[in-house]
C-alpha atoms as a PDB file:
ATOM      1  CA  UNK A   1      49.163  -7.124  24.475  1.00  0.00           C
ATOM      2  CA  UNK A   2      50.118  -9.435  26.920  1.00  0.00           C
ATOM      3  CA  UNK A   3      52.883  -8.463  29.294  1.00  0.00           C
ATOM      4  CA  UNK A   4      56.056 -10.371  29.903  1.00  0.00           C
ATOM      5  CA  UNK A   5      54.902 -12.135  32.936  1.00  0.00           C
ATOM      6  CA  UNK A   6      51.805 -13.383  30.984  1.00  0.00           C
ATOM      7  CA  UNK A   7      53.882 -14.775  28.295  1.00  0.00           C
ATOM      8  CA  UNK A   8      56.364 -16.395  30.697  1.00  0.00           C
ATOM      9  CA  UNK A   9      53.376 -18.137  32.391  1.00  0.00           C
ATOM     10  CA  UNK A  10      52.150 -19.498  29.009  1.00  0.00           C
ATOM     11  CA  UNK A  11      55.353 -20.816  28.232  1.00  0.00           C
ATOM     12  CA  UNK A  12      56.582 -22.020  31.810  1.00  0.00           C
ATOM     13  CA  UNK A  13      56.322 -25.661  30.877  1.00  0.00           C
ATOM     14  CA  UNK A  14      58.050 -25.608  27.559  1.00  0.00           C
ATOM     15  CA  UNK A  15      61.379 -26.274  28.556  1.00  0.00           C
ATOM     16  CA  UNK A  16      59.883 -29.258  31.008  1.00  0.00           C
ATOM     17  CA  UNK A  17      58.681 -30.694  27.643  1.00  0.00           C
ATOM     18  CA  UNK A  18      61.739 -30.319  25.637  1.00  0.00           C
ATOM     19  CA  UNK A  19      63.814 -31.554  28.563  1.00  0.00           C
ATOM     20  CA  UNK A  20      61.584 -34.635  28.475  1.00  0.00           C
ATOM     21  CA  UNK A  21      61.589 -35.424  24.780  1.00  0.00           C
ATOM     22  CA  UNK A  22      65.248 -34.916  24.548  1.00  0.00           C
ATOM     23  CA  UNK A  23      65.667 -37.506  27.392  1.00  0.00           C
ATOM     24  CA  UNK A  24      63.536 -39.818  25.685  1.00  0.00           C
ATOM     25  CA  UNK A  25      65.191 -39.627  22.406  1.00  0.00           C
ATOM     26  CA  UNK A  26      68.574 -39.657  23.900  1.00  0.00           C
ATOM     27  CA  UNK A  27      68.261 -42.893  26.117  1.00  0.00           C
ATOM     28  CA  UNK A  28      66.640 -44.869  22.915  1.00  0.00           C
ATOM     29  CA  UNK A  29      69.598 -43.300  20.366  1.00  0.00           C
ATOM     30  CA  UNK A  30      72.304 -44.294  23.029  1.00  0.00           C
ATOM     31  CA  UNK A  31      71.457 -47.722  24.144  1.00  0.00           C
ATOM     32  CA  UNK A  32      70.356 -48.568  20.627  1.00  0.00           C
ATOM     33  CA  UNK A  33      73.365 -47.437  19.250  1.00  0.00           C
ATOM     34  CA  UNK A  34      75.157 -49.747  21.931  1.00  0.00           C
ATOM     35  CA  UNK A  35      72.744 -52.637  20.667  1.00  0.00           C
ATOM     36  CA  UNK A  36      73.867 -52.020  17.067  1.00  0.00           C
ATOM     37  CA  UNK A  37      77.313 -51.796  18.124  1.00  0.00           C
ATOM     38  CA  UNK A  38      76.967 -54.962  19.697  1.00  0.00           C
ATOM     39  CA  UNK A  39      75.610 -56.737  16.701  1.00  0.00           C
ATOM     40  CA  UNK A  40      78.122 -55.433  14.402  1.00  0.00           C
ATOM     41  CA  UNK A  41      81.100 -56.746  16.822  1.00  0.00           C
ATOM     42  CA  UNK A  42      79.349 -60.321  17.380  1.00  0.00           C
ATOM     43  CA  UNK A  43      78.272 -60.700  13.526  1.00  0.00           C
ATOM     44  CA  UNK A  44      74.789 -60.932  14.224  1.00  0.00           C
ATOM     45  CA  UNK A  45      71.491 -59.683  12.422  1.00  0.00           C
ATOM     46  CA  UNK A  46      69.555 -57.245  13.935  1.00  0.00           C
ATOM     47  CA  UNK A  47      69.037 -59.178  17.354  1.00  0.00           C
ATOM     48  CA  UNK A  48      70.341 -56.462  19.872  1.00  0.00           C
ATOM     49  CA  UNK A  49      69.450 -53.363  17.977  1.00  0.00           C
ATOM     50  CA  UNK A  50      65.716 -53.749  18.947  1.00  0.00           C
ATOM     51  CA  UNK A  51      66.622 -54.946  22.573  1.00  0.00           C
ATOM     52  CA  UNK A  52      68.573 -51.719  22.841  1.00  0.00           C
ATOM     53  CA  UNK A  53      65.669 -49.679  21.637  1.00  0.00           C
ATOM     54  CA  UNK A  54      63.301 -51.330  24.246  1.00  0.00           C
ATOM     55  CA  UNK A  55      65.724 -50.991  27.337  1.00  0.00           C
ATOM     56  CA  UNK A  56      66.535 -47.240  26.312  1.00  0.00           C
ATOM     57  CA  UNK A  57      63.213 -46.002  26.333  1.00  0.00           C
ATOM     58  CA  UNK A  58      62.488 -47.805  29.608  1.00  0.00           C
ATOM     59  CA  UNK A  59      65.512 -46.286  30.849  1.00  0.00           C
ATOM     60  CA  UNK A  60      64.440 -43.090  29.841  1.00  0.00           C
ATOM     61  CA  UNK A  61      61.168 -43.497  31.208  1.00  0.00           C
ATOM     62  CA  UNK A  62      62.592 -44.312  34.660  1.00  0.00           C
ATOM     63  CA  UNK A  63      65.085 -41.205  34.256  1.00  0.00           C
ATOM     64  CA  UNK A  64      62.297 -38.905  33.624  1.00  0.00           C
ATOM     65  CA  UNK A  65      60.234 -40.595  36.696  1.00  0.00           C
ATOM     66  CA  UNK A  66      63.233 -39.790  38.759  1.00  0.00           C
ATOM     67  CA  UNK A  67      63.389 -36.080  37.796  1.00  0.00           C
ATOM     68  CA  UNK A  68      59.870 -34.989  37.299  1.00  0.00           C
ATOM     69  CA  UNK A  69      57.554 -38.009  38.700  1.00  0.00           C
ATOM     70  CA  UNK A  70      58.034 -38.142  42.072  1.00  0.00           C
ATOM     71  CA  UNK A  71      56.383 -35.611  44.410  1.00  0.00           C
ATOM     72  CA  UNK A  72      57.514 -32.748  46.303  1.00  0.00           C
ATOM     73  CA  UNK A  73      58.665 -34.806  49.353  1.00  0.00           C
ATOM     74  CA  UNK A  74      60.298 -37.496  47.329  1.00  0.00           C
ATOM     75  CA  UNK A  75      57.359 -39.810  47.670  1.00  0.00           C
ATOM     76  CA  UNK A  76      55.774 -41.646  44.495  1.00  0.00           C
END
């Protein structure tokens, strides 16, 4: 049977994985919703919705890079 310390080591990256996943989903959903709102307000078809999805994915990736992608001393 594994000790508590060994179980903790197995699951140590799980929180980081969920944080990255939720940041990506949140960025895409938030900026995509803003694009949808702009489309509705201007009476356009789905013009800004896909733009919002793409920009949201890019911003989510940038936030993840800021949080996890830099080295220990702040360098890339």
